[in-house]
Amino acid sequence: MKFVLILCEKVHNEKVMKLLESQDIHGYTEVPMVLGAGVAGKRMDTRIFPGSGCLLFTLVERQKADALVRALKDFRASLLQGEGFRVFSMDADILL
């Protein structure tokens, strides 16, 4: 199993959720608003640092994770330079 974590700008949340659905991934957790700073800049949902991020994560079989990452790479290629979008994955075991 793979744990896949997707961090994107809030404006792309719906598109990423549709992408998950298109990959036949229906189980996920969404944190609809995250604040922070990184290489894409600060997203603090304020006038000085507008915007916020969204966090989605899912646990899927390795083959599905590989296909999902390929689809996410294609999606990222469609974004403007400087838009925050990161994907992380790690091996995961279901313990309980």
PDB file of N, CA and C in Angstrom:
ATOM      1  N   MET A   1       0.846  -1.176   0.000  1.00  0.00           N
ATOM      2  CA  MET A   1       0.000   0.000   0.000  1.00  0.00           C
ATOM      3  C   MET A   1       0.894   1.243   0.000  1.00  0.00           C
ATOM      4  N   LYS A   2       0.346   2.304  -0.544  1.00  0.00           N
ATOM      5  CA  LYS A   2       1.039   3.592  -0.573  1.00  0.00           C
ATOM      6  C   LYS A   2       0.123   4.658   0.033  1.00  0.00           C
ATOM      7  N   PHE A   3       0.734   5.512   0.818  1.00  0.00           N
ATOM      8  CA  PHE A   3       0.073   6.689   1.362  1.00  0.00           C
ATOM      9  C   PHE A   3       0.466   7.846   0.444  1.00  0.00           C
ATOM     10  N   VAL A   4      -0.511   8.489  -0.194  1.00  0.00           N
ATOM     11  CA  VAL A   4      -0.242   9.589  -1.121  1.00  0.00           C
ATOM     12  C   VAL A   4      -0.851  10.858  -0.543  1.00  0.00           C
ATOM     13  N   LEU A   5      -0.022  11.873  -0.396  1.00  0.00           N
ATOM     14  CA  LEU A   5      -0.441  13.159   0.157  1.00  0.00           C
ATOM     15  C   LEU A   5      -0.310  14.218  -0.932  1.00  0.00           C
ATOM     16  N   ILE A   6      -1.374  14.967  -1.144  1.00  0.00           N
ATOM     17  CA  ILE A   6      -1.411  15.992  -2.192  1.00  0.00           C
ATOM     18  C   ILE A   6      -1.672  17.340  -1.534  1.00  0.00           C
ATOM     19  N   LEU A   7      -0.793  18.280  -1.781  1.00  0.00           N
ATOM     20  CA  LEU A   7      -0.933  19.637  -1.268  1.00  0.00           C
ATOM     21  C   LEU A   7      -1.069  20.556  -2.470  1.00  0.00           C
ATOM     22  N   CYS A   8      -2.192  21.270  -2.549  1.00  0.00           N
ATOM     23  CA  CYS A   8      -2.414  22.142  -3.702  1.00  0.00           C
ATOM     24  C   CYS A   8      -3.060  23.448  -3.246  1.00  0.00           C
ATOM     25  N   GLU A   9      -3.080  24.403  -4.156  1.00  0.00           N
ATOM     26  CA  GLU A   9      -3.765  25.655  -3.869  1.00  0.00           C
ATOM     27  C   GLU A   9      -5.264  25.361  -3.801  1.00  0.00           C
ATOM     28  N   LYS A  10      -5.943  26.053  -2.910  1.00  0.00           N
ATOM     29  CA  LYS A  10      -7.369  25.798  -2.681  1.00  0.00           C
ATOM     30  C   LYS A  10      -8.183  25.881  -3.974  1.00  0.00           C
ATOM     31  N   VAL A  11      -7.801  26.764  -4.874  1.00  0.00           N
ATOM     32  CA  VAL A  11      -8.565  26.925  -6.113  1.00  0.00           C
ATOM     33  C   VAL A  11      -8.543  25.664  -6.979  1.00  0.00           C
ATOM     34  N   HIS A  12      -7.588  24.767  -6.744  1.00  0.00           N
ATOM     35  CA  HIS A  12      -7.490  23.542  -7.541  1.00  0.00           C
ATOM     36  C   HIS A  12      -8.086  22.325  -6.843  1.00  0.00           C
ATOM     37  N   ASN A  13      -8.676  22.516  -5.693  1.00  0.00           N
ATOM     38  CA  ASN A  13      -9.206  21.414  -4.896  1.00  0.00           C
ATOM     39  C   ASN A  13     -10.181  20.545  -5.683  1.00  0.00           C
ATOM     40  N   GLU A  14     -11.175  21.150  -6.308  1.00  0.00           N
ATOM     41  CA  GLU A  14     -12.191  20.383  -7.035  1.00  0.00           C
ATOM     42  C   GLU A  14     -11.573  19.600  -8.188  1.00  0.00           C
ATOM     43  N   LYS A  15     -10.634  20.201  -8.894  1.00  0.00           N
ATOM     44  CA  LYS A  15      -9.989  19.513 -10.013  1.00  0.00           C
ATOM     45  C   LYS A  15      -9.217  18.294  -9.530  1.00  0.00           C
ATOM     46  N   VAL A  16      -8.534  18.427  -8.413  1.00  0.00           N
ATOM     47  CA  VAL A  16      -7.766  17.301  -7.877  1.00  0.00           C
ATOM     48  C   VAL A  16      -8.709  16.204  -7.394  1.00  0.00           C
ATOM     49  N   MET A  17      -9.816  16.576  -6.790  1.00  0.00           N
ATOM     50  CA  MET A  17     -10.783  15.571  -6.339  1.00  0.00           C
ATOM     51  C   MET A  17     -11.384  14.828  -7.539  1.00  0.00           C
ATOM     52  N   LYS A  18     -11.647  15.536  -8.623  1.00  0.00           N
ATOM     53  CA  LYS A  18     -12.142  14.879  -9.841  1.00  0.00           C
ATOM     54  C   LYS A  18     -11.079  13.965 -10.429  1.00  0.00           C
ATOM     55  N   LEU A  19      -9.830  14.359 -10.319  1.00  0.00           N
ATOM     56  CA  LEU A  19      -8.741  13.524 -10.793  1.00  0.00           C
ATOM     57  C   LEU A  19      -8.686  12.218  -9.990  1.00  0.00           C
ATOM     58  N   LEU A  20      -8.856  12.319  -8.674  1.00  0.00           N
ATOM     59  CA  LEU A  20      -8.898  11.108  -7.846  1.00  0.00           C
ATOM     60  C   LEU A  20     -10.021  10.192  -8.316  1.00  0.00           C
ATOM     61  N   GLU A  21     -11.185  10.769  -8.542  1.00  0.00           N
ATOM     62  CA  GLU A  21     -12.338   9.984  -8.993  1.00  0.00           C
ATOM     63  C   GLU A  21     -12.057   9.336 -10.345  1.00  0.00           C
ATOM     64  N   SER A  22     -11.408  10.066 -11.244  1.00  0.00           N
ATOM     65  CA  SER A  22     -11.104   9.510 -12.568  1.00  0.00           C
ATOM     66  C   SER A  22     -10.128   8.341 -12.476  1.00  0.00           C
ATOM     67  N   GLN A  23      -9.358   8.277 -11.396  1.00  0.00           N
ATOM     68  CA  GLN A  23      -8.414   7.179 -11.164  1.00  0.00           C
ATOM     69  C   GLN A  23      -9.055   6.061 -10.340  1.00  0.00           C
ATOM     70  N   ASP A  24     -10.385   6.134 -10.169  1.00  0.00           N
ATOM     71  CA  ASP A  24     -11.150   5.140  -9.405  1.00  0.00           C
ATOM     72  C   ASP A  24     -10.701   5.080  -7.943  1.00  0.00           C
ATOM     73  N   ILE A  25     -10.380   6.266  -7.413  1.00  0.00           N
ATOM     74  CA  ILE A  25     -10.019   6.392  -5.996  1.00  0.00           C
ATOM     75  C   ILE A  25     -11.143   7.156  -5.317  1.00  0.00           C
ATOM     76  N   HIS A  26     -11.887   6.457  -4.463  1.00  0.00           N
ATOM     77  CA  HIS A  26     -13.061   7.058  -3.840  1.00  0.00           C
ATOM     78  C   HIS A  26     -12.878   7.264  -2.339  1.00  0.00           C
ATOM     79  N   GLY A  27     -11.814   6.704  -1.785  1.00  0.00           N
ATOM     80  CA  GLY A  27     -11.538   6.883  -0.365  1.00  0.00           C
ATOM     81  C   GLY A  27     -10.388   7.848  -0.173  1.00  0.00           C
ATOM     82  N   TYR A  28     -10.642   8.932   0.503  1.00  0.00           N
ATOM     83  CA  TYR A  28      -9.603   9.940   0.746  1.00  0.00           C
ATOM     84  C   TYR A  28     -10.008  10.770   1.954  1.00  0.00           C
ATOM     85  N   THR A  29      -9.070  11.528   2.447  1.00  0.00           N
ATOM     86  CA  THR A  29      -9.335  12.504   3.504  1.00  0.00           C
ATOM     87  C   THR A  29      -8.945  13.866   2.970  1.00  0.00           C
ATOM     88  N   GLU A  30      -9.788  14.846   3.247  1.00  0.00           N
ATOM     89  CA  GLU A  30      -9.536  16.210   2.786  1.00  0.00           C
ATOM     90  C   GLU A  30      -9.441  17.149   3.980  1.00  0.00           C
ATOM     91  N   VAL A  31      -8.415  17.948   3.989  1.00  0.00           N
ATOM     92  CA  VAL A  31      -8.307  19.068   4.925  1.00  0.00           C
ATOM     93  C   VAL A  31      -8.514  20.302   4.041  1.00  0.00           C
ATOM     94  N   PRO A  32      -9.710  20.907   4.088  1.00  0.00           N
ATOM     95  CA  PRO A  32     -10.078  21.895   3.079  1.00  0.00           C
ATOM     96  C   PRO A  32      -9.323  23.213   3.133  1.00  0.00           C
ATOM     97  N   MET A  33      -8.674  23.523   4.244  1.00  0.00           N
ATOM     98  CA  MET A  33      -7.935  24.783   4.289  1.00  0.00           C
ATOM     99  C   MET A  33      -6.683  24.596   5.126  1.00  0.00           C
ATOM    100  N   VAL A  34      -5.541  24.774   4.478  1.00  0.00           N
ATOM    101  CA  VAL A  34      -4.270  24.721   5.190  1.00  0.00           C
ATOM    102  C   VAL A  34      -3.500  26.000   4.896  1.00  0.00           C
ATOM    103  N   LEU A  35      -2.796  26.479   5.885  1.00  0.00           N
ATOM    104  CA  LEU A  35      -1.999  27.694   5.777  1.00  0.00           C
ATOM    105  C   LEU A  35      -0.534  27.326   5.935  1.00  0.00           C
ATOM    106  N   GLY A  36       0.334  28.091   5.299  1.00  0.00           N
ATOM    107  CA  GLY A  36       1.746  27.804   5.460  1.00  0.00           C
ATOM    108  C   GLY A  36       2.605  28.585   4.487  1.00  0.00           C
ATOM    109  N   ALA A  37       3.874  28.238   4.483  1.00  0.00           N
ATOM    110  CA  ALA A  37       4.845  28.906   3.613  1.00  0.00           C
ATOM    111  C   ALA A  37       5.773  27.852   3.033  1.00  0.00           C
ATOM    112  N   GLY A  38       6.203  28.109   1.803  1.00  0.00           N
ATOM    113  CA  GLY A  38       7.112  27.194   1.135  1.00  0.00           C
ATOM    114  C   GLY A  38       7.722  27.860  -0.075  1.00  0.00           C
ATOM    115  N   VAL A  39       8.241  27.055  -0.982  1.00  0.00           N
ATOM    116  CA  VAL A  39       8.905  27.611  -2.158  1.00  0.00           C
ATOM    117  C   VAL A  39       7.944  28.381  -3.051  1.00  0.00           C
ATOM    118  N   ALA A  40       6.655  28.096  -2.970  1.00  0.00           N
ATOM    119  CA  ALA A  40       5.663  28.822  -3.772  1.00  0.00           C
ATOM    120  C   ALA A  40       5.198  30.095  -3.073  1.00  0.00           C
ATOM    121  N   GLY A  41       5.732  30.380  -1.897  1.00  0.00           N
ATOM    122  CA  GLY A  41       5.356  31.587  -1.170  1.00  0.00           C
ATOM    123  C   GLY A  41       4.483  31.279   0.023  1.00  0.00           C
ATOM    124  N   LYS A  42       4.002  32.343   0.660  1.00  0.00           N
ATOM    125  CA  LYS A  42       3.146  32.193   1.835  1.00  0.00           C
ATOM    126  C   LYS A  42       1.686  32.190   1.409  1.00  0.00           C
ATOM    127  N   ARG A  43       0.924  31.303   2.031  1.00  0.00           N
ATOM    128  CA  ARG A  43      -0.522  31.234   1.842  1.00  0.00           C
ATOM    129  C   ARG A  43      -1.124  31.291   3.244  1.00  0.00           C
ATOM    130  N   MET A  44      -1.497  32.494   3.667  1.00  0.00           N
ATOM    131  CA  MET A  44      -1.988  32.692   5.028  1.00  0.00           C
ATOM    132  C   MET A  44      -3.434  33.180   5.076  1.00  0.00           C
ATOM    133  N   ASP A  45      -4.086  33.258   3.899  1.00  0.00           N
ATOM    134  CA  ASP A  45      -5.465  33.715   3.791  1.00  0.00           C
ATOM    135  C   ASP A  45      -5.652  35.107   4.404  1.00  0.00           C
ATOM    136  N   THR A  46      -4.667  35.983   4.157  1.00  0.00           N
ATOM    137  CA  THR A  46      -4.730  37.367   4.626  1.00  0.00           C
ATOM    138  C   THR A  46      -4.559  38.292   3.431  1.00  0.00           C
ATOM    139  N   ARG A  47      -4.733  39.577   3.645  1.00  0.00           N
ATOM    140  CA  ARG A  47      -4.539  40.526   2.557  1.00  0.00           C
ATOM    141  C   ARG A  47      -3.074  40.573   2.115  1.00  0.00           C
ATOM    142  N   ILE A  48      -2.172  40.443   3.055  1.00  0.00           N
ATOM    143  CA  ILE A  48      -0.747  40.489   2.722  1.00  0.00           C
ATOM    144  C   ILE A  48      -0.295  39.188   2.064  1.00  0.00           C
ATOM    145  N   PHE A  49      -0.763  38.056   2.564  1.00  0.00           N
ATOM    146  CA  PHE A  49      -0.422  36.746   2.007  1.00  0.00           C
ATOM    147  C   PHE A  49      -1.717  36.016   1.652  1.00  0.00           C
ATOM    148  N   PRO A  50      -2.324  36.392   0.518  1.00  0.00           N
ATOM    149  CA  PRO A  50      -3.626  35.814   0.172  1.00  0.00           C
ATOM    150  C   PRO A  50      -3.522  34.345  -0.223  1.00  0.00           C
ATOM    151  N   GLY A  51      -4.659  33.718  -0.198  1.00  0.00           N
ATOM    152  CA  GLY A  51      -4.759  32.329  -0.621  1.00  0.00           C
ATOM    153  C   GLY A  51      -4.559  31.348   0.511  1.00  0.00           C
ATOM    154  N   SER A  52      -4.942  30.142   0.229  1.00  0.00           N
ATOM    155  CA  SER A  52      -4.744  29.047   1.173  1.00  0.00           C
ATOM    156  C   SER A  52      -4.570  27.771   0.367  1.00  0.00           C
ATOM    157  N   GLY A  53      -4.178  26.751   1.041  1.00  0.00           N
ATOM    158  CA  GLY A  53      -3.980  25.474   0.389  1.00  0.00           C
ATOM    159  C   GLY A  53      -5.026  24.471   0.805  1.00  0.00           C
ATOM    160  N   CYS A  54      -4.984  23.336   0.173  1.00  0.00           N
ATOM    161  CA  CYS A  54      -5.861  22.221   0.491  1.00  0.00           C
ATOM    162  C   CYS A  54      -4.977  20.978   0.565  1.00  0.00           C
ATOM    163  N   LEU A  55      -5.295  20.099   1.474  1.00  0.00           N
ATOM    164  CA  LEU A  55      -4.529  18.880   1.669  1.00  0.00           C
ATOM    165  C   LEU A  55      -5.453  17.686   1.460  1.00  0.00           C
ATOM    166  N   LEU A  56      -5.056  16.776   0.591  1.00  0.00           N
ATOM    167  CA  LEU A  56      -5.809  15.543   0.365  1.00  0.00           C
ATOM    168  C   LEU A  56      -4.856  14.380   0.553  1.00  0.00           C
ATOM    169  N   PHE A  57      -5.324  13.325   1.182  1.00  0.00           N
ATOM    170  CA  PHE A  57      -4.488  12.133   1.244  1.00  0.00           C
ATOM    171  C   PHE A  57      -5.330  10.887   1.124  1.00  0.00           C
ATOM    172  N   THR A  58      -4.687   9.850   0.609  1.00  0.00           N
ATOM    173  CA  THR A  58      -5.368   8.595   0.357  1.00  0.00           C
ATOM    174  C   THR A  58      -4.403   7.435   0.563  1.00  0.00           C
ATOM    175  N   LEU A  59      -4.948   6.276   0.764  1.00  0.00           N
ATOM    176  CA  LEU A  59      -4.181   5.045   0.905  1.00  0.00           C
ATOM    177  C   LEU A  59      -4.640   4.104  -0.198  1.00  0.00           C
ATOM    178  N   VAL A  60      -3.725   3.744  -1.089  1.00  0.00           N
ATOM    179  CA  VAL A  60      -4.100   2.929  -2.250  1.00  0.00           C
ATOM    180  C   VAL A  60      -3.040   1.861  -2.520  1.00  0.00           C
ATOM    181  N   GLU A  61      -3.423   0.876  -3.338  1.00  0.00           N
ATOM    182  CA  GLU A  61      -2.460  -0.138  -3.747  1.00  0.00           C
ATOM    183  C   GLU A  61      -1.348   0.523  -4.562  1.00  0.00           C
ATOM    184  N   ARG A  62      -0.200  -0.079  -4.567  1.00  0.00           N
ATOM    185  CA  ARG A  62       0.986   0.488  -5.225  1.00  0.00           C
ATOM    186  C   ARG A  62       0.725   0.808  -6.701  1.00  0.00           C
ATOM    187  N   GLN A  63       0.071  -0.095  -7.440  1.00  0.00           N
ATOM    188  CA  GLN A  63      -0.184   0.153  -8.862  1.00  0.00           C
ATOM    189  C   GLN A  63      -1.095   1.368  -9.065  1.00  0.00           C
ATOM    190  N   LYS A  64      -2.119   1.483  -8.214  1.00  0.00           N
ATOM    191  CA  LYS A  64      -3.003   2.654  -8.307  1.00  0.00           C
ATOM    192  C   LYS A  64      -2.248   3.922  -7.957  1.00  0.00           C
ATOM    193  N   ALA A  65      -1.349   3.827  -6.991  1.00  0.00           N
ATOM    194  CA  ALA A  65      -0.562   5.003  -6.601  1.00  0.00           C
ATOM    195  C   ALA A  65       0.325   5.453  -7.754  1.00  0.00           C
ATOM    196  N   ASP A  66       0.933   4.504  -8.452  1.00  0.00           N
ATOM    197  CA  ASP A  66       1.790   4.852  -9.588  1.00  0.00           C
ATOM    198  C   ASP A  66       0.988   5.559 -10.675  1.00  0.00           C
ATOM    199  N   ALA A  67      -0.202   5.048 -10.982  1.00  0.00           N
ATOM    200  CA  ALA A  67      -1.064   5.672 -11.991  1.00  0.00           C
ATOM    201  C   ALA A  67      -1.526   7.049 -11.523  1.00  0.00           C
ATOM    202  N   LEU A  68      -1.838   7.174 -10.237  1.00  0.00           N
ATOM    203  CA  LEU A  68      -2.267   8.463  -9.687  1.00  0.00           C
ATOM    204  C   LEU A  68      -1.154   9.495  -9.803  1.00  0.00           C
ATOM    205  N   VAL A  69       0.061   9.110  -9.464  1.00  0.00           N
ATOM    206  CA  VAL A  69       1.189  10.044  -9.546  1.00  0.00           C
ATOM    207  C   VAL A  69       1.416  10.489 -10.986  1.00  0.00           C
ATOM    208  N   ARG A  70       1.284   9.581 -11.939  1.00  0.00           N
ATOM    209  CA  ARG A  70       1.422   9.975 -13.351  1.00  0.00           C
ATOM    210  C   ARG A  70       0.355  11.000 -13.736  1.00  0.00           C
ATOM    211  N   ALA A  71      -0.880  10.775 -13.314  1.00  0.00           N
ATOM    212  CA  ALA A  71      -1.968  11.713 -13.613  1.00  0.00           C
ATOM    213  C   ALA A  71      -1.738  13.058 -12.926  1.00  0.00           C
ATOM    214  N   LEU A  72      -1.221  13.031 -11.702  1.00  0.00           N
ATOM    215  CA  LEU A  72      -0.937  14.270 -10.987  1.00  0.00           C
ATOM    216  C   LEU A  72       0.206  15.038 -11.650  1.00  0.00           C
ATOM    217  N   LYS A  73       1.192  14.330 -12.199  1.00  0.00           N
ATOM    218  CA  LYS A  73       2.276  14.999 -12.930  1.00  0.00           C
ATOM    219  C   LYS A  73       1.718  15.726 -14.151  1.00  0.00           C
ATOM    220  N   ASP A  74       0.805  15.068 -14.864  1.00  0.00           N
ATOM    221  CA  ASP A  74       0.173  15.712 -16.020  1.00  0.00           C
ATOM    222  C   ASP A  74      -0.608  16.947 -15.583  1.00  0.00           C
ATOM    223  N   PHE A  75      -1.323  16.842 -14.468  1.00  0.00           N
ATOM    224  CA  PHE A  75      -2.083  17.983 -13.955  1.00  0.00           C
ATOM    225  C   PHE A  75      -1.144  19.129 -13.589  1.00  0.00           C
ATOM    226  N   ARG A  76      -0.071  18.800 -12.911  1.00  0.00           N
ATOM    227  CA  ARG A  76       0.886  19.840 -12.503  1.00  0.00           C
ATOM    228  C   ARG A  76       1.455  20.577 -13.708  1.00  0.00           C
ATOM    229  N   ALA A  77       1.671  19.872 -14.802  1.00  0.00           N
ATOM    230  CA  ALA A  77       2.206  20.497 -16.015  1.00  0.00           C
ATOM    231  C   ALA A  77       1.265  21.563 -16.563  1.00  0.00           C
ATOM    232  N   SER A  78      -0.015  21.479 -16.225  1.00  0.00           N
ATOM    233  CA  SER A  78      -0.990  22.449 -16.722  1.00  0.00           C
ATOM    234  C   SER A  78      -1.066  23.706 -15.850  1.00  0.00           C
ATOM    235  N   LEU A  79      -0.393  23.704 -14.713  1.00  0.00           N
ATOM    236  CA  LEU A  79      -0.453  24.847 -13.802  1.00  0.00           C
ATOM    237  C   LEU A  79       0.541  25.924 -14.204  1.00  0.00           C
ATOM    238  N   LEU A  80       0.263  27.121 -13.742  1.00  0.00           N
ATOM    239  CA  LEU A  80       1.183  28.236 -13.979  1.00  0.00           C
ATOM    240  C   LEU A  80       2.405  28.095 -13.081  1.00  0.00           C
ATOM    241  N   GLN A  81       3.524  28.626 -13.540  1.00  0.00           N
ATOM    242  CA  GLN A  81       4.731  28.595 -12.723  1.00  0.00           C
ATOM    243  C   GLN A  81       4.469  29.376 -11.435  1.00  0.00           C
ATOM    244  N   GLY A  82       4.899  28.836 -10.329  1.00  0.00           N
ATOM    245  CA  GLY A  82       4.729  29.497  -9.038  1.00  0.00           C
ATOM    246  C   GLY A  82       3.498  29.049  -8.279  1.00  0.00           C
ATOM    247  N   GLU A  83       2.600  28.303  -8.933  1.00  0.00           N
ATOM    248  CA  GLU A  83       1.435  27.798  -8.205  1.00  0.00           C
ATOM    249  C   GLU A  83       1.885  26.634  -7.333  1.00  0.00           C
ATOM    250  N   GLY A  84       1.448  26.642  -6.096  1.00  0.00           N
ATOM    251  CA  GLY A  84       1.843  25.595  -5.168  1.00  0.00           C
ATOM    252  C   GLY A  84       1.161  24.276  -5.469  1.00  0.00           C
ATOM    253  N   PHE A  85       1.957  23.243  -5.642  1.00  0.00           N
ATOM    254  CA  PHE A  85       1.418  21.900  -5.877  1.00  0.00           C
ATOM    255  C   PHE A  85       2.518  20.901  -5.557  1.00  0.00           C
ATOM    256  N   ARG A  86       2.283  20.076  -4.563  1.00  0.00           N
ATOM    257  CA  ARG A  86       3.270  19.077  -4.164  1.00  0.00           C
ATOM    258  C   ARG A  86       2.564  17.745  -3.928  1.00  0.00           C
ATOM    259  N   VAL A  87       3.266  16.667  -4.234  1.00  0.00           N
ATOM    260  CA  VAL A  87       2.745  15.325  -3.998  1.00  0.00           C
ATOM    261  C   VAL A  87       3.845  14.539  -3.289  1.00  0.00           C
ATOM    262  N   PHE A  88       3.464  13.844  -2.248  1.00  0.00           N
ATOM    263  CA  PHE A  88       4.385  13.009  -1.478  1.00  0.00           C
ATOM    264  C   PHE A  88       3.783  11.618  -1.362  1.00  0.00           C
ATOM    265  N   SER A  89       4.627  10.624  -1.281  1.00  0.00           N
ATOM    266  CA  SER A  89       4.115   9.273  -1.036  1.00  0.00           C
ATOM    267  C   SER A  89       5.092   8.517  -0.157  1.00  0.00           C
ATOM    268  N   MET A  90       4.561   7.528   0.513  1.00  0.00           N
ATOM    269  CA  MET A  90       5.393   6.652   1.338  1.00  0.00           C
ATOM    270  C   MET A  90       4.711   5.299   1.446  1.00  0.00           C
ATOM    271  N   ASP A  91       5.506   4.290   1.673  1.00  0.00           N
ATOM    272  CA  ASP A  91       4.948   2.964   1.895  1.00  0.00           C
ATOM    273  C   ASP A  91       4.113   2.993   3.175  1.00  0.00           C
ATOM    274  N   ALA A  92       3.044   2.222   3.169  1.00  0.00           N
ATOM    275  CA  ALA A  92       2.170   2.184   4.329  1.00  0.00           C
ATOM    276  C   ALA A  92       1.649   0.770   4.557  1.00  0.00           C
ATOM    277  N   ASP A  93       1.565   0.387   5.807  1.00  0.00           N
ATOM    278  CA  ASP A  93       0.967  -0.872   6.198  1.00  0.00           C
ATOM    279  C   ASP A  93      -0.246  -0.576   7.063  1.00  0.00           C
ATOM    280  N   ILE A  94      -1.312  -1.307   6.850  1.00  0.00           N
ATOM    281  CA  ILE A  94      -2.473  -1.176   7.716  1.00  0.00           C
ATOM    282  C   ILE A  94      -2.200  -2.034   8.943  1.00  0.00           C
ATOM    283  N   LEU A  95      -2.102  -1.428  10.101  1.00  0.00           N
ATOM    284  CA  LEU A  95      -1.731  -2.136  11.320  1.00  0.00           C
ATOM    285  C   LEU A  95      -2.945  -2.621  12.107  1.00  0.00           C
ATOM    286  N   LEU A  96      -4.019  -1.891  12.079  1.00  0.00           N
ATOM    287  CA  LEU A  96      -5.238  -2.266  12.819  1.00  0.00           C
ATOM    288  C   LEU A  96      -6.446  -2.130  11.939  1.00  0.00           C
TER     289      LEU A  96
END
